[in-house]
Amino acid sequence: MSHHTVKDGYKKLVDRINRFPQGAPPSELLFKILKLLFSEKEAELVAKVPIKPFTLAKAAKLWNLSEYEAEKVLNELAQKGIILDIIEDGVQTYLLPPPMAGFFEFSLMRVRSDMDQKALAELYYQYLNVEEDFIKNLFVQGETNLGRVFVNEEALSAQNMLTVLDYEKTSHIIETASHIAVGTCYCRHKMLHLGKNCDAPLDICLTFNNSAQSLIKHKIAREIDREECKAIIQKAEAYNLVQFGENAQKGVNFICNCCGCCCEALLAAKRFGMLNPVQTTAFLPQIDTEACTGCQKCIEACPVDALELIENTNKNTVRVNTDLCLGCGVCANNCATKAISMKRRPEHIITPIDSVHRTVMMAIERGKLQNLIFDNHAHLNHRAMAAILGAILKLPPIKQTLALNQVKSKYLGWLLEKTY
């Protein structure tokens, strides 16, 4: 394989990326992508950073640079969208995000001249849409999903709105965000360079909280207020786009407005629908066969082909494939006769409490929990350990057992014994 001849810095960077629960399978295409995004020196430096957020002092020590020199490198990486620089509890920290949702998207969230975006888009397409190993690894490995679909609130009845949980609503994410930004949709921008994009808007990708703060600072995304954010959601709904965001109850960092023809998550949902690649909403459309005219507008609007026409002698109607349906509500909003209503699914949808909880669950399922707890490039501080172990203690006992088998930590075993 040609990637065996790649410079050592890029090999180490691939190893570092694959310590994330959602990694990036090595291939010739991946190395070509990384060469466009990182200089060889940057690859060597980034390969050394911890998984968890780190300080300037930590980076300087790892890189054997002065803090002045390290800060200059970190700022350059943040300007390129590779490193996020965030402020937590008044302390400046840095974080290498995973490829998705992370620096793959950030590279195309604005038009830029410091790299060949057309060449990058072509490589992304081959790596993500043709080769498919990355998408399978990201979306169909393990039970816990990286992202989840948000139900269109306008498709819900007044009764449903009384029972819908706050974290299930896009409006709640907007109202509680500390920072909000909008950038170019990575997926449609990629397809634009290939001549495969649809007519849905480009400037419609939303980020929130600490991620938005960093992207705003480096002009990767534009800061907006809550009213403009809500208007963007309404615009997205007019194009039958699906709100797909971070799979967490609190601290949601992104909500993409996705189409079924360009966007990675919905393409994965269509290709691997039976494997549940994305977390659905807690709702399903219900068809009133008496009111349904069989006009097929809902079928045309569905982004994942979850509706089908049933031809009958007396009257054609529509049927929902519940194994494929996202529960987004796009179909209900396109039904002129109001024959489609959204009803609660019979099964309970489990949403991780926050990104730490989700990351721990994904790491356990993918056999990578040890990478979170025993980060070779950083000392475990009490705060990080408490966050990780706190998330483990919220898991079902069977997953706690999986965690123990991977970590083989006497301390973790003792802690779990004390809990039950």
Protein backbone atom coordinates (compact mmCIF):
# COMPACT_ATOMS: atom_id res chain seq x y z
CA MET A 1 0.00 0.00 0.00
CA SER A 2 1.34 3.43 -0.90
CA HIS A 3 0.51 4.91 2.49
CA HIS A 4 3.35 2.86 4.00
CA THR A 5 5.78 5.29 2.36
CA VAL A 6 4.14 8.38 3.86
CA LYS A 7 6.31 10.60 6.06
CA ASP A 8 6.41 9.60 9.71
CA GLY A 9 4.60 12.76 10.88
CA TYR A 10 1.48 11.91 8.90
CA LYS A 11 1.54 8.29 10.09
CA LYS A 12 1.66 9.48 13.69
CA LEU A 13 -1.16 11.92 13.01
CA VAL A 14 -3.35 9.10 11.66
CA ASP A 15 -2.59 7.07 14.79
CA ARG A 16 -3.54 10.07 16.92
CA ILE A 17 -6.81 10.64 15.03
CA ASN A 18 -7.74 7.00 15.49
CA ARG A 19 -7.53 7.25 19.26
CA PHE A 20 -10.88 9.07 19.01
CA PRO A 21 -13.95 6.84 19.28
CA GLN A 22 -14.82 8.06 15.77
CA GLY A 23 -11.55 7.79 13.87
CA ALA A 24 -10.52 7.72 10.21
CA PRO A 25 -9.51 4.43 8.58
CA PRO A 26 -6.02 4.75 7.00
CA SER A 27 -5.89 4.82 3.22
CA GLU A 28 -4.02 6.56 0.43
CA LEU A 29 -6.91 9.03 0.16
CA LEU A 30 -6.71 9.93 3.85
CA PHE A 31 -3.01 10.72 3.61
CA LYS A 32 -3.65 12.92 0.58
CA ILE A 33 -6.35 14.78 2.54
CA LEU A 34 -4.06 15.30 5.53
CA LYS A 35 -1.28 16.61 3.28
CA LEU A 36 -3.64 19.30 2.03
CA LEU A 37 -4.80 20.22 5.53
CA PHE A 38 -1.51 19.95 7.44
CA SER A 39 2.09 20.76 6.68
CA GLU A 40 4.48 17.96 7.65
CA LYS A 41 5.60 19.95 10.69
CA GLU A 42 2.00 20.62 11.76
CA ALA A 43 1.21 16.92 11.43
CA GLU A 44 4.12 16.06 13.73
CA LEU A 45 3.01 18.59 16.34
CA VAL A 46 -0.71 17.81 16.25
CA ALA A 47 0.06 14.09 16.58
CA LYS A 48 1.39 14.84 20.07
CA VAL A 49 -1.58 16.72 21.54
CA PRO A 50 -3.86 15.06 24.13
CA ILE A 51 -7.37 13.84 23.42
CA LYS A 52 -8.77 16.01 26.19
CA PRO A 53 -8.55 19.84 26.20
CA PHE A 54 -5.05 21.08 26.96
CA THR A 55 -3.40 24.35 27.94
CA LEU A 56 -0.77 26.46 26.22
CA ALA A 57 1.76 25.37 28.82
CA LYS A 58 1.01 21.72 28.08
CA ALA A 59 1.45 22.21 24.34
CA ALA A 60 4.73 24.08 24.82
CA LYS A 61 6.06 21.24 26.99
CA LEU A 62 4.97 18.51 24.55
CA TRP A 63 6.43 20.37 21.58
CA ASN A 64 9.59 21.50 23.38
CA LEU A 65 8.85 25.11 22.40
CA SER A 66 8.55 28.34 24.33
CA GLU A 67 5.00 29.36 25.19
CA TYR A 68 5.35 32.25 22.75
CA GLU A 69 6.28 29.85 19.93
CA ALA A 70 3.61 27.33 20.89
CA GLU A 71 0.90 29.99 21.02
CA LYS A 72 1.83 31.13 17.52
CA VAL A 73 1.48 27.57 16.21
CA LEU A 74 -1.83 27.05 18.02
CA ASN A 75 -3.24 30.29 16.63
CA GLU A 76 -2.25 29.29 13.10
CA LEU A 77 -3.90 25.89 13.55
CA ALA A 78 -7.04 27.50 14.97
CA GLN A 79 -7.14 29.93 12.04
CA LYS A 80 -7.15 26.92 9.70
CA GLY A 81 -9.96 25.25 11.67
CA ILE A 82 -7.80 22.36 12.84
CA ILE A 83 -7.60 23.28 16.52
CA LEU A 84 -10.45 24.80 18.54
CA ASP A 85 -9.38 27.37 21.12
CA ILE A 86 -12.00 27.66 23.82
CA ILE A 87 -12.37 29.33 27.18
CA GLU A 88 -13.72 27.14 29.98
CA ASP A 89 -14.27 28.65 33.44
CA GLY A 90 -12.07 31.57 32.46
CA VAL A 91 -9.18 29.34 31.36
CA GLN A 92 -7.90 29.29 27.76
CA THR A 93 -7.74 25.71 26.51
CA TYR A 94 -7.25 24.04 23.15
CA LEU A 95 -8.79 20.95 21.61
CA LEU A 96 -8.20 18.86 18.51
CA PRO A 97 -11.68 17.91 17.27
CA PRO A 98 -12.22 14.59 15.48
CA PRO A 99 -12.40 14.63 11.68
CA MET A 100 -16.24 14.62 11.92
CA ALA A 101 -17.87 16.55 13.29
CA GLY A 102 -14.67 18.55 13.22
CA PHE A 103 -11.78 19.67 11.06
CA PHE A 104 -13.01 17.96 7.86
CA GLU A 105 -16.10 20.20 7.94
CA PHE A 106 -14.26 23.30 9.12
CA SER A 107 -12.00 23.15 6.05
CA LEU A 108 -15.01 23.81 3.78
CA MET A 109 -17.17 25.97 6.07
CA ARG A 110 -15.92 29.10 4.31
CA VAL A 111 -14.43 29.99 0.95
CA ARG A 112 -10.67 30.28 1.37
CA SER A 113 -7.60 30.73 -0.81
CA ASP A 114 -4.93 29.17 1.41
CA MET A 115 -5.69 25.68 0.08
CA ASP A 116 -7.09 24.04 -3.03
CA GLN A 117 -10.68 23.48 -1.90
CA LYS A 118 -11.70 21.86 -5.18
CA ALA A 119 -8.95 19.24 -4.84
CA LEU A 120 -9.91 18.75 -1.20
CA ALA A 121 -13.60 18.34 -2.09
CA GLU A 122 -12.73 15.70 -4.69
CA LEU A 123 -10.63 13.78 -2.15
CA TYR A 124 -13.39 14.01 0.46
CA TYR A 125 -15.90 12.67 -2.05
CA GLN A 126 -13.72 9.69 -2.92
CA TYR A 127 -12.87 8.97 0.72
CA LEU A 128 -16.36 9.43 2.17
CA ASN A 129 -18.78 8.70 -0.67
CA VAL A 130 -16.95 6.14 -2.77
CA GLU A 131 -14.52 4.31 -0.48
CA GLU A 132 -17.15 4.28 2.35
CA ASP A 133 -14.94 2.77 5.11
CA PHE A 134 -14.89 6.11 6.93
CA ILE A 135 -18.69 6.51 6.79
CA LYS A 136 -19.28 2.94 7.94
CA ASN A 137 -16.83 3.44 10.80
CA LEU A 138 -18.49 6.72 11.78
CA PHE A 139 -22.17 5.86 11.46
CA VAL A 140 -22.74 2.12 11.77
CA GLN A 141 -20.19 0.91 14.31
CA GLY A 142 -21.69 0.60 17.79
CA GLU A 143 -25.10 1.51 19.16
CA THR A 144 -24.42 5.11 20.17
CA ASN A 145 -24.69 7.62 17.34
CA LEU A 146 -22.60 10.73 16.85
CA GLY A 147 -25.61 12.75 15.70
CA ARG A 148 -29.38 12.83 16.06
CA VAL A 149 -32.30 14.21 14.13
CA PHE A 150 -34.44 17.02 15.56
CA VAL A 151 -38.16 16.92 14.93
CA ASN A 152 -39.67 19.83 13.01
CA GLU A 153 -41.64 21.58 15.74
CA GLU A 154 -44.21 22.96 13.29
CA ALA A 155 -45.13 19.37 12.42
CA LEU A 156 -46.09 18.60 16.03
CA SER A 157 -49.60 18.98 17.36
CA ALA A 158 -50.38 21.20 20.34
CA GLN A 159 -50.74 18.07 22.46
CA ASN A 160 -47.31 16.77 21.40
CA MET A 161 -45.73 20.14 22.14
CA LEU A 162 -46.88 19.76 25.74
CA THR A 163 -44.98 16.49 26.07
CA VAL A 164 -41.90 17.09 23.91
CA LEU A 165 -38.73 17.35 25.98
CA ASP A 166 -36.64 20.51 25.87
CA TYR A 167 -33.56 18.84 24.41
CA GLU A 168 -35.71 17.42 21.60
CA LYS A 169 -36.43 20.95 20.35
CA THR A 170 -34.18 22.99 18.11
CA SER A 171 -35.71 26.12 19.62
CA HIS A 172 -34.41 25.13 23.07
CA ILE A 173 -30.86 24.63 21.73
CA ILE A 174 -31.01 28.11 20.23
CA GLU A 175 -32.43 29.77 23.34
CA THR A 176 -29.85 28.27 25.69
CA ALA A 177 -26.70 28.65 23.55
CA SER A 178 -23.94 30.93 24.81
CA HIS A 179 -22.74 31.65 21.24
CA ILE A 180 -24.33 31.03 17.83
CA ALA A 181 -22.65 31.06 14.43
CA VAL A 182 -23.54 30.20 10.85
CA GLY A 183 -21.14 28.91 8.21
CA THR A 184 -21.14 27.31 4.80
CA CYS A 185 -22.59 23.81 4.60
CA TYR A 186 -19.58 21.53 4.21
CA CYS A 187 -21.60 18.85 2.39
CA ARG A 188 -23.14 21.06 -0.28
CA HIS A 189 -19.91 23.07 -0.64
CA LYS A 190 -18.09 19.79 -1.35
CA MET A 191 -20.73 18.77 -3.91
CA LEU A 192 -20.63 22.26 -5.48
CA HIS A 193 -17.00 21.71 -6.48
CA LEU A 194 -18.05 18.41 -8.08
CA GLY A 195 -21.09 19.85 -9.87
CA LYS A 196 -23.39 17.59 -7.84
CA ASN A 197 -24.97 20.10 -5.42
CA CYS A 198 -28.69 20.75 -5.08
CA ASP A 199 -30.35 24.17 -4.89
CA ALA A 200 -30.61 24.23 -1.07
CA PRO A 201 -28.87 27.19 0.60
CA LEU A 202 -25.14 26.99 1.38
CA ASP A 203 -24.84 29.43 4.29
CA ILE A 204 -26.96 27.45 6.70
CA CYS A 205 -24.68 25.31 8.91
CA LEU A 206 -25.16 26.23 12.59
CA THR A 207 -22.68 25.92 15.45
CA PHE A 208 -23.22 26.73 19.11
CA ASN A 209 -21.49 27.36 22.42
CA ASN A 210 -17.69 26.88 22.67
CA SER A 211 -17.29 25.60 19.12
CA ALA A 212 -19.13 28.63 17.76
CA GLN A 213 -16.99 30.94 19.89
CA SER A 214 -13.78 29.59 18.34
CA LEU A 215 -15.10 29.54 14.77
CA ILE A 216 -16.36 33.13 15.11
CA LYS A 217 -13.00 34.29 16.46
CA HIS A 218 -11.17 32.93 13.43
CA LYS A 219 -13.81 33.97 10.88
CA ILE A 220 -14.61 30.39 9.92
CA ALA A 221 -18.24 31.12 10.78
CA ARG A 222 -20.25 34.32 11.28
CA GLU A 223 -21.77 35.27 14.62
CA ILE A 224 -25.56 35.61 14.60
CA ASP A 225 -28.25 36.31 17.16
CA ARG A 226 -31.12 34.05 18.18
CA GLU A 227 -33.63 35.68 15.84
CA GLU A 228 -31.45 35.21 12.76
CA CYS A 229 -30.79 31.62 13.84
CA LYS A 230 -34.53 30.91 14.04
CA ALA A 231 -35.00 32.51 10.63
CA ILE A 232 -32.33 30.18 9.21
CA ILE A 233 -34.20 27.18 10.62
CA GLN A 234 -37.41 28.41 8.97
CA LYS A 235 -35.56 28.88 5.67
CA ALA A 236 -34.18 25.36 5.96
CA GLU A 237 -37.62 23.94 6.56
CA ALA A 238 -38.89 25.69 3.42
CA TYR A 239 -36.31 23.64 1.48
CA ASN A 240 -37.35 20.42 3.27
CA LEU A 241 -34.00 20.21 5.04
CA VAL A 242 -33.59 18.05 8.13
CA GLN A 243 -32.09 19.39 11.36
CA PHE A 244 -29.29 16.98 12.27
CA GLY A 245 -27.27 17.84 15.36
CA GLU A 246 -24.99 16.59 18.08
CA ASN A 247 -26.35 13.58 19.93
CA ALA A 248 -26.47 15.12 23.41
CA GLN A 249 -29.04 16.63 25.72
CA LYS A 250 -26.83 19.50 26.88
CA GLY A 251 -24.11 21.59 25.26
CA VAL A 252 -25.06 20.81 21.65
CA ASN A 253 -22.29 22.22 19.45
CA PHE A 254 -23.75 21.85 15.97
CA ILE A 255 -26.99 21.55 14.06
CA CYS A 256 -26.69 20.97 10.32
CA ASN A 257 -29.55 21.58 7.92
CA CYS A 258 -29.31 18.49 5.76
CA CYS A 259 -30.59 17.43 2.36
CA GLY A 260 -30.87 13.83 1.26
CA CYS A 261 -28.68 14.27 -1.82
CA CYS A 262 -25.51 15.93 -0.47
CA CYS A 263 -25.27 15.52 3.29
CA GLU A 264 -23.16 12.70 4.71
CA ALA A 265 -25.52 11.78 7.58
CA LEU A 266 -28.61 11.43 5.40
CA LEU A 267 -26.70 9.65 2.64
CA ALA A 268 -25.58 7.18 5.31
CA ALA A 269 -29.18 6.88 6.49
CA LYS A 270 -30.24 5.94 2.95
CA ARG A 271 -27.37 3.53 2.32
CA PHE A 272 -27.34 1.83 5.71
CA GLY A 273 -30.82 2.62 7.01
CA MET A 274 -31.50 -0.81 8.50
CA LEU A 275 -28.35 -0.42 10.65
CA ASN A 276 -29.67 2.82 12.22
CA PRO A 277 -26.70 5.04 11.33
CA VAL A 278 -28.24 8.18 12.85
CA GLN A 279 -30.34 8.62 15.96
CA THR A 280 -33.98 9.22 15.04
CA THR A 281 -36.39 11.55 16.80
CA ALA A 282 -38.90 10.20 19.31
CA PHE A 283 -41.67 10.57 16.71
CA LEU A 284 -43.09 8.72 13.71
CA PRO A 285 -45.53 9.94 11.06
CA GLN A 286 -48.97 8.39 11.14
CA ILE A 287 -51.01 8.31 7.92
CA ASP A 288 -54.75 8.93 7.98
CA THR A 289 -55.69 6.74 5.01
CA GLU A 290 -59.12 8.34 4.76
CA ALA A 291 -57.66 11.83 4.38
CA CYS A 292 -54.69 10.75 2.21
CA THR A 293 -55.22 11.50 -1.50
CA GLY A 294 -52.11 9.66 -2.70
CA CYS A 295 -50.67 12.86 -4.19
CA GLN A 296 -47.11 11.65 -3.35
CA LYS A 297 -45.84 15.06 -2.23
CA CYS A 298 -44.68 13.52 1.04
CA ILE A 299 -42.84 10.77 -0.86
CA GLU A 300 -41.03 13.35 -2.96
CA ALA A 301 -40.10 15.41 0.11
CA CYS A 302 -38.83 12.54 2.29
CA PRO A 303 -35.00 12.88 2.45
CA VAL A 304 -34.35 9.17 3.13
CA ASP A 305 -36.99 7.44 0.95
CA ALA A 306 -38.91 6.12 3.95
CA LEU A 307 -42.36 6.52 2.34
CA GLU A 308 -43.88 4.44 -0.42
CA LEU A 309 -47.07 4.54 -2.45
CA ILE A 310 -49.52 1.69 -1.94
CA GLU A 311 -51.69 1.22 -5.02
CA ASN A 312 -55.20 0.01 -4.28
CA THR A 313 -58.15 -0.55 -6.59
CA ASN A 314 -60.25 2.14 -4.95
CA LYS A 315 -57.63 4.55 -3.68
CA ASN A 316 -53.87 4.96 -3.51
CA THR A 317 -52.35 5.69 -0.10
CA VAL A 318 -48.92 6.09 1.48
CA ARG A 319 -47.12 3.76 3.87
CA VAL A 320 -44.25 4.57 6.25
CA ASN A 321 -41.24 2.27 6.52
CA THR A 322 -40.64 2.69 10.24
CA ASP A 323 -37.22 1.01 10.02
CA LEU A 324 -35.97 3.81 7.77
CA CYS A 325 -37.97 6.79 9.02
CA LEU A 326 -36.04 9.55 10.84
CA GLY A 327 -39.13 11.11 12.40
CA CYS A 328 -38.10 14.54 11.13
CA GLY A 329 -41.63 15.71 10.19
CA VAL A 330 -40.77 16.88 6.66
CA CYS A 331 -43.53 14.68 5.24
CA ALA A 332 -46.15 16.15 7.59
CA ASN A 333 -45.24 19.68 6.55
CA ASN A 334 -45.75 18.74 2.89
CA CYS A 335 -49.18 17.15 3.28
CA ALA A 336 -51.83 19.51 1.91
CA THR A 337 -54.70 17.52 3.40
CA LYS A 338 -53.11 17.19 6.88
CA ALA A 339 -53.34 13.43 6.56
CA ILE A 340 -49.99 12.99 8.30
CA SER A 341 -49.57 13.57 12.03
CA MET A 342 -46.55 12.91 14.24
CA LYS A 343 -46.95 10.39 17.06
CA ARG A 344 -44.55 9.25 19.78
CA ARG A 345 -42.59 6.10 18.98
CA PRO A 346 -43.40 3.15 21.23
CA GLU A 347 -39.73 2.64 22.13
CA HIS A 348 -37.77 5.01 24.35
CA ILE A 349 -35.06 7.00 22.57
CA ILE A 350 -31.92 7.31 24.71
CA THR A 351 -29.98 10.55 24.26
CA PRO A 352 -26.60 10.93 26.00
CA ILE A 353 -26.55 13.64 28.65
CA ASP A 354 -23.63 15.54 27.14
CA SER A 355 -20.65 15.10 24.82
CA VAL A 356 -18.58 13.39 27.53
CA HIS A 357 -21.34 10.84 28.16
CA ARG A 358 -21.72 10.18 24.42
CA THR A 359 -17.96 9.93 23.82
CA VAL A 360 -17.54 7.43 26.66
CA MET A 361 -20.40 5.28 25.31
CA MET A 362 -18.95 5.37 21.79
CA ALA A 363 -15.48 4.55 23.12
CA ILE A 364 -16.77 1.53 25.06
CA GLU A 365 -18.64 0.18 22.05
CA ARG A 366 -15.62 0.67 19.78
CA GLY A 367 -13.06 -0.73 22.24
CA LYS A 368 -11.30 2.61 22.76
CA LEU A 369 -12.19 3.62 26.30
CA GLN A 370 -8.60 3.19 27.42
CA ASN A 371 -7.63 6.04 25.07
CA LEU A 372 -9.86 8.44 27.01
CA ILE A 373 -8.72 7.42 30.47
CA PHE A 374 -5.05 6.68 29.82
CA ASP A 375 -4.13 9.53 27.51
CA ASN A 376 -0.42 8.96 26.86
CA HIS A 377 0.25 12.62 26.18
CA ALA A 378 -1.42 14.15 29.21
CA HIS A 379 -1.54 13.56 32.96
CA LEU A 380 -5.02 12.69 34.15
CA ASN A 381 -6.23 15.57 36.26
CA HIS A 382 -9.00 15.11 38.79
CA ARG A 383 -11.52 17.11 36.82
CA ALA A 384 -11.11 15.07 33.62
CA MET A 385 -11.16 11.77 35.52
CA ALA A 386 -14.29 12.81 37.40
CA ALA A 387 -16.05 13.71 34.14
CA ILE A 388 -15.19 10.40 32.50
CA LEU A 389 -15.99 8.22 35.50
CA GLY A 390 -19.17 10.20 36.14
CA ALA A 391 -20.31 9.37 32.63
CA ILE A 392 -19.44 5.69 33.12
CA LEU A 393 -21.48 5.55 36.32
CA LYS A 394 -24.55 6.69 34.38
CA LEU A 395 -24.31 3.75 31.98
CA PRO A 396 -26.32 0.52 32.26
CA PRO A 397 -24.48 -2.17 34.26
CA ILE A 398 -23.73 -4.26 31.17
CA LYS A 399 -21.82 -1.37 29.58
CA GLN A 400 -20.02 -0.70 32.85
CA THR A 401 -18.81 -4.30 32.64
CA LEU A 402 -17.55 -3.70 29.11
CA ALA A 403 -15.73 -0.63 30.40
CA LEU A 404 -14.07 -2.66 33.14
CA ASN A 405 -12.94 -5.34 30.71
CA GLN A 406 -11.28 -2.72 28.50
CA VAL A 407 -9.68 -0.57 31.17
CA LYS A 408 -8.86 -3.31 33.72
CA SER A 409 -8.59 -0.63 36.37
CA LYS A 410 -8.77 -1.70 40.02
CA TYR A 411 -9.81 1.83 40.95
CA LEU A 412 -12.65 1.88 38.42
CA GLY A 413 -13.80 -1.55 39.58
CA TRP A 414 -13.82 -0.42 43.20
CA LEU A 415 -15.81 2.69 42.26
CA LEU A 416 -18.44 0.70 40.38
CA GLU A 417 -18.73 -1.80 43.26
CA LYS A 418 -19.45 1.08 45.66
CA THR A 419 -22.21 2.32 43.35
CA TYR A 420 -24.27 -0.89 43.40
